[in-house]
Amino acid sequence: MSHTHGNEPTASECADFLEQIVYFLDNELDQADCAVVRQHLDSCNPCLEKYDLQRTVKSVVARSCSEAAPDELRQKVLFRIREVQVQIQVTES
């Protein structure tokens, strides 16, 4: 999964690294694989940009999951769930 230093990585090499980025972000790679991914990111700007985007999305999702929904929104969602449940019960009858 490595490419010759100084040469541009091929599209297939980048595809391999982009698959690894998810595991890299989640700290699920061993040290050797982390080093290889870091080296690739240091030498491949398009992959680095995709890595930064993935990291940002992961951060926003994590932050959003820790925030509580406003009460008004929660009530609207619960109301809509009840509406759908009633519609399902009516069509099943």
N, C-alpha and C. Protein backbone atom coordinates (compact mmCIF):
# COMPACT_ATOMS: atom_id res chain seq x y z
N MET A 1 0.82 -1.19 0.00
CA MET A 1 0.00 0.00 0.00
C MET A 1 0.86 1.25 0.00
N SER A 2 2.12 1.15 -0.36
CA SER A 2 2.96 2.34 -0.41
C SER A 2 3.35 2.63 -1.84
N HIS A 3 3.76 3.88 -2.07
CA HIS A 3 4.22 4.23 -3.40
C HIS A 3 5.63 4.77 -3.30
N THR A 4 6.30 4.78 -4.43
CA THR A 4 7.68 5.22 -4.45
C THR A 4 7.76 6.69 -4.08
N HIS A 5 8.63 7.01 -3.13
CA HIS A 5 8.76 8.40 -2.68
C HIS A 5 9.17 9.30 -3.83
N GLY A 6 8.52 10.43 -3.97
CA GLY A 6 8.85 11.37 -5.02
C GLY A 6 7.96 11.21 -6.24
N ASN A 7 7.31 10.07 -6.41
CA ASN A 7 6.38 9.86 -7.52
C ASN A 7 4.97 10.19 -7.04
N GLU A 8 4.15 10.62 -8.00
CA GLU A 8 2.76 10.88 -7.67
C GLU A 8 2.05 9.55 -7.40
N PRO A 9 1.22 9.49 -6.38
CA PRO A 9 0.47 8.24 -6.14
C PRO A 9 -0.54 8.02 -7.25
N THR A 10 -0.83 6.76 -7.52
CA THR A 10 -1.84 6.43 -8.53
C THR A 10 -3.22 6.55 -7.91
N ALA A 11 -4.23 6.60 -8.78
CA ALA A 11 -5.61 6.69 -8.29
C ALA A 11 -5.97 5.48 -7.43
N SER A 12 -5.47 4.30 -7.81
CA SER A 12 -5.80 3.11 -7.02
C SER A 12 -5.11 3.14 -5.66
N GLU A 13 -3.88 3.68 -5.59
CA GLU A 13 -3.22 3.82 -4.30
C GLU A 13 -4.00 4.79 -3.42
N CYS A 14 -4.45 5.89 -4.01
CA CYS A 14 -5.24 6.86 -3.23
C CYS A 14 -6.54 6.23 -2.74
N ALA A 15 -7.18 5.42 -3.58
CA ALA A 15 -8.42 4.75 -3.17
C ALA A 15 -8.16 3.86 -1.97
N ASP A 16 -7.03 3.14 -1.97
CA ASP A 16 -6.68 2.30 -0.83
C ASP A 16 -6.51 3.13 0.43
N PHE A 17 -5.84 4.26 0.31
CA PHE A 17 -5.61 5.11 1.48
C PHE A 17 -6.90 5.76 1.96
N LEU A 18 -7.78 6.13 1.03
CA LEU A 18 -9.04 6.75 1.44
C LEU A 18 -9.90 5.76 2.22
N GLU A 19 -9.82 4.47 1.89
CA GLU A 19 -10.53 3.46 2.68
C GLU A 19 -9.94 3.39 4.09
N GLN A 20 -8.64 3.56 4.21
CA GLN A 20 -7.95 3.47 5.50
C GLN A 20 -8.21 4.69 6.39
N ILE A 21 -8.57 5.83 5.76
CA ILE A 21 -8.73 7.07 6.53
C ILE A 21 -9.76 6.92 7.64
N VAL A 22 -10.85 6.21 7.37
CA VAL A 22 -11.89 6.02 8.39
C VAL A 22 -11.31 5.31 9.60
N TYR A 23 -10.54 4.25 9.35
CA TYR A 23 -9.92 3.51 10.45
C TYR A 23 -8.85 4.34 11.15
N PHE A 24 -8.14 5.14 10.36
CA PHE A 24 -7.12 6.02 10.90
C PHE A 24 -7.75 7.05 11.85
N LEU A 25 -8.86 7.64 11.42
CA LEU A 25 -9.57 8.63 12.26
C LEU A 25 -10.07 8.01 13.56
N ASP A 26 -10.47 6.75 13.50
CA ASP A 26 -11.01 6.07 14.68
C ASP A 26 -9.94 5.37 15.50
N ASN A 27 -8.67 5.60 15.15
CA ASN A 27 -7.54 4.96 15.86
C ASN A 27 -7.65 3.45 15.85
N GLU A 28 -8.04 2.88 14.71
CA GLU A 28 -8.22 1.44 14.61
C GLU A 28 -7.13 0.77 13.78
N LEU A 29 -6.06 1.51 13.47
CA LEU A 29 -4.94 0.93 12.72
C LEU A 29 -3.77 0.69 13.65
N ASP A 30 -2.96 -0.31 13.33
CA ASP A 30 -1.75 -0.51 14.12
C ASP A 30 -0.73 0.58 13.76
N GLN A 31 0.34 0.66 14.54
CA GLN A 31 1.32 1.74 14.37
C GLN A 31 1.93 1.76 12.98
N ALA A 32 2.23 0.60 12.43
CA ALA A 32 2.86 0.53 11.10
C ALA A 32 1.93 1.10 10.03
N ASP A 33 0.64 0.71 10.09
CA ASP A 33 -0.31 1.21 9.10
C ASP A 33 -0.55 2.71 9.29
N CYS A 34 -0.58 3.17 10.55
CA CYS A 34 -0.73 4.61 10.81
C CYS A 34 0.42 5.39 10.18
N ALA A 35 1.62 4.87 10.32
CA ALA A 35 2.79 5.54 9.76
C ALA A 35 2.69 5.63 8.25
N VAL A 36 2.22 4.55 7.61
CA VAL A 36 2.08 4.53 6.15
C VAL A 36 1.02 5.54 5.71
N VAL A 37 -0.10 5.58 6.43
CA VAL A 37 -1.17 6.53 6.08
C VAL A 37 -0.67 7.96 6.28
N ARG A 38 0.01 8.23 7.39
CA ARG A 38 0.55 9.57 7.63
C ARG A 38 1.51 9.99 6.51
N GLN A 39 2.38 9.07 6.11
CA GLN A 39 3.34 9.37 5.05
C GLN A 39 2.61 9.70 3.75
N HIS A 40 1.56 8.94 3.44
CA HIS A 40 0.78 9.21 2.23
C HIS A 40 0.11 10.58 2.33
N LEU A 41 -0.50 10.87 3.48
CA LEU A 41 -1.17 12.17 3.64
C LEU A 41 -0.19 13.32 3.52
N ASP A 42 1.04 13.12 4.00
CA ASP A 42 2.06 14.16 3.89
C ASP A 42 2.47 14.42 2.45
N SER A 43 2.30 13.42 1.58
CA SER A 43 2.78 13.56 0.21
C SER A 43 1.66 13.70 -0.82
N CYS A 44 0.40 13.62 -0.39
CA CYS A 44 -0.72 13.63 -1.35
C CYS A 44 -1.76 14.65 -0.89
N ASN A 45 -1.72 15.82 -1.49
CA ASN A 45 -2.63 16.89 -1.08
C ASN A 45 -4.11 16.55 -1.27
N PRO A 46 -4.53 15.93 -2.39
CA PRO A 46 -5.96 15.58 -2.52
C PRO A 46 -6.45 14.66 -1.39
N CYS A 47 -5.63 13.68 -1.02
CA CYS A 47 -6.03 12.78 0.08
C CYS A 47 -6.04 13.52 1.41
N LEU A 48 -5.10 14.44 1.60
CA LEU A 48 -5.07 15.23 2.83
C LEU A 48 -6.33 16.07 2.95
N GLU A 49 -6.77 16.65 1.84
CA GLU A 49 -8.01 17.45 1.86
C GLU A 49 -9.21 16.57 2.20
N LYS A 50 -9.26 15.36 1.64
CA LYS A 50 -10.37 14.45 1.95
C LYS A 50 -10.31 14.01 3.42
N TYR A 51 -9.10 13.80 3.91
CA TYR A 51 -8.92 13.45 5.33
C TYR A 51 -9.44 14.58 6.21
N ASP A 52 -9.06 15.83 5.89
CA ASP A 52 -9.52 16.98 6.67
C ASP A 52 -11.03 17.09 6.65
N LEU A 53 -11.64 16.84 5.48
CA LEU A 53 -13.10 16.89 5.37
C LEU A 53 -13.74 15.81 6.23
N GLN A 54 -13.22 14.58 6.17
CA GLN A 54 -13.75 13.49 6.98
C GLN A 54 -13.62 13.79 8.47
N ARG A 55 -12.48 14.34 8.85
CA ARG A 55 -12.24 14.68 10.26
C ARG A 55 -13.22 15.75 10.72
N THR A 56 -13.48 16.75 9.86
CA THR A 56 -14.42 17.81 10.20
C THR A 56 -15.83 17.27 10.34
N VAL A 57 -16.25 16.43 9.40
CA VAL A 57 -17.59 15.83 9.45
C VAL A 57 -17.75 15.00 10.71
N LYS A 58 -16.74 14.18 11.01
CA LYS A 58 -16.78 13.35 12.22
C LYS A 58 -16.91 14.21 13.47
N SER A 59 -16.19 15.32 13.50
CA SER A 59 -16.23 16.22 14.65
C SER A 59 -17.61 16.87 14.80
N VAL A 60 -18.18 17.31 13.68
CA VAL A 60 -19.51 17.95 13.72
C VAL A 60 -20.57 16.94 14.16
N VAL A 61 -20.49 15.72 13.62
CA VAL A 61 -21.46 14.69 14.01
C VAL A 61 -21.33 14.36 15.50
N ALA A 62 -20.10 14.22 15.97
CA ALA A 62 -19.88 13.92 17.39
C ALA A 62 -20.43 15.03 18.27
N ARG A 63 -20.19 16.27 17.88
CA ARG A 63 -20.68 17.41 18.66
C ARG A 63 -22.20 17.45 18.64
N SER A 64 -22.79 17.18 17.47
CA SER A 64 -24.24 17.22 17.34
C SER A 64 -24.91 16.13 18.17
N CYS A 65 -24.25 14.98 18.26
CA CYS A 65 -24.82 13.87 19.02
C CYS A 65 -24.80 14.13 20.53
N SER A 66 -23.95 15.03 20.97
CA SER A 66 -23.87 15.30 22.40
C SER A 66 -24.79 16.44 22.82
N GLU A 67 -25.35 17.16 21.86
CA GLU A 67 -26.25 18.27 22.18
C GLU A 67 -27.69 17.74 22.24
N ALA A 68 -28.46 18.27 23.17
CA ALA A 68 -29.87 17.88 23.26
C ALA A 68 -30.68 18.72 22.29
N ALA A 69 -31.67 18.10 21.69
CA ALA A 69 -32.55 18.83 20.77
C ALA A 69 -33.41 19.80 21.57
N PRO A 70 -33.73 20.96 20.99
CA PRO A 70 -34.62 21.90 21.68
C PRO A 70 -35.96 21.23 21.95
N ASP A 71 -36.58 21.58 23.06
CA ASP A 71 -37.83 20.94 23.48
C ASP A 71 -38.92 21.05 22.41
N GLU A 72 -39.01 22.21 21.76
CA GLU A 72 -40.03 22.40 20.72
C GLU A 72 -39.83 21.40 19.58
N LEU A 73 -38.60 21.19 19.17
CA LEU A 73 -38.32 20.23 18.12
C LEU A 73 -38.66 18.81 18.57
N ARG A 74 -38.30 18.47 19.80
CA ARG A 74 -38.61 17.15 20.33
C ARG A 74 -40.12 16.90 20.31
N GLN A 75 -40.90 17.90 20.69
CA GLN A 75 -42.36 17.76 20.71
C GLN A 75 -42.91 17.57 19.30
N LYS A 76 -42.36 18.30 18.32
CA LYS A 76 -42.81 18.16 16.94
C LYS A 76 -42.51 16.76 16.42
N VAL A 77 -41.32 16.26 16.72
CA VAL A 77 -40.94 14.92 16.27
C VAL A 77 -41.85 13.87 16.91
N LEU A 78 -42.08 13.97 18.21
CA LEU A 78 -42.96 13.02 18.90
C LEU A 78 -44.38 13.07 18.34
N PHE A 79 -44.87 14.28 18.05
CA PHE A 79 -46.21 14.44 17.47
C PHE A 79 -46.27 13.75 16.11
N ARG A 80 -45.25 13.95 15.29
CA ARG A 80 -45.22 13.34 13.96
C ARG A 80 -45.15 11.81 14.05
N ILE A 81 -44.39 11.30 14.99
CA ILE A 81 -44.31 9.85 15.20
C ILE A 81 -45.69 9.30 15.55
N ARG A 82 -46.39 10.00 16.44
CA ARG A 82 -47.74 9.55 16.82
C ARG A 82 -48.69 9.58 15.62
N GLU A 83 -48.58 10.63 14.78
CA GLU A 83 -49.42 10.71 13.58
C GLU A 83 -49.19 9.51 12.67
N VAL A 84 -47.94 9.18 12.46
CA VAL A 84 -47.60 8.04 11.60
C VAL A 84 -48.12 6.74 12.21
N GLN A 85 -47.98 6.58 13.53
CA GLN A 85 -48.48 5.38 14.19
C GLN A 85 -49.98 5.24 14.01
N VAL A 86 -50.72 6.36 14.13
CA VAL A 86 -52.17 6.33 13.95
C VAL A 86 -52.50 5.95 12.51
N GLN A 87 -51.78 6.54 11.54
CA GLN A 87 -52.02 6.23 10.12
C GLN A 87 -51.78 4.75 9.85
N ILE A 88 -50.74 4.19 10.44
CA ILE A 88 -50.42 2.78 10.25
C ILE A 88 -51.54 1.92 10.84
N GLN A 89 -52.02 2.28 12.04
CA GLN A 89 -53.07 1.51 12.70
C GLN A 89 -54.36 1.57 11.88
N VAL A 90 -54.67 2.72 11.31
CA VAL A 90 -55.89 2.88 10.53
C VAL A 90 -55.81 2.03 9.26
N THR A 91 -54.67 2.04 8.59
CA THR A 91 -54.54 1.25 7.36
C THR A 91 -54.50 -0.25 7.64
N GLU A 92 -54.06 -0.66 8.81
CA GLU A 92 -54.02 -2.07 9.16
C GLU A 92 -55.40 -2.59 9.56
N SER A 93 -56.29 -1.71 9.95
CA SER A 93 -57.63 -2.14 10.41
C SER A 93 -58.54 -2.52 9.28
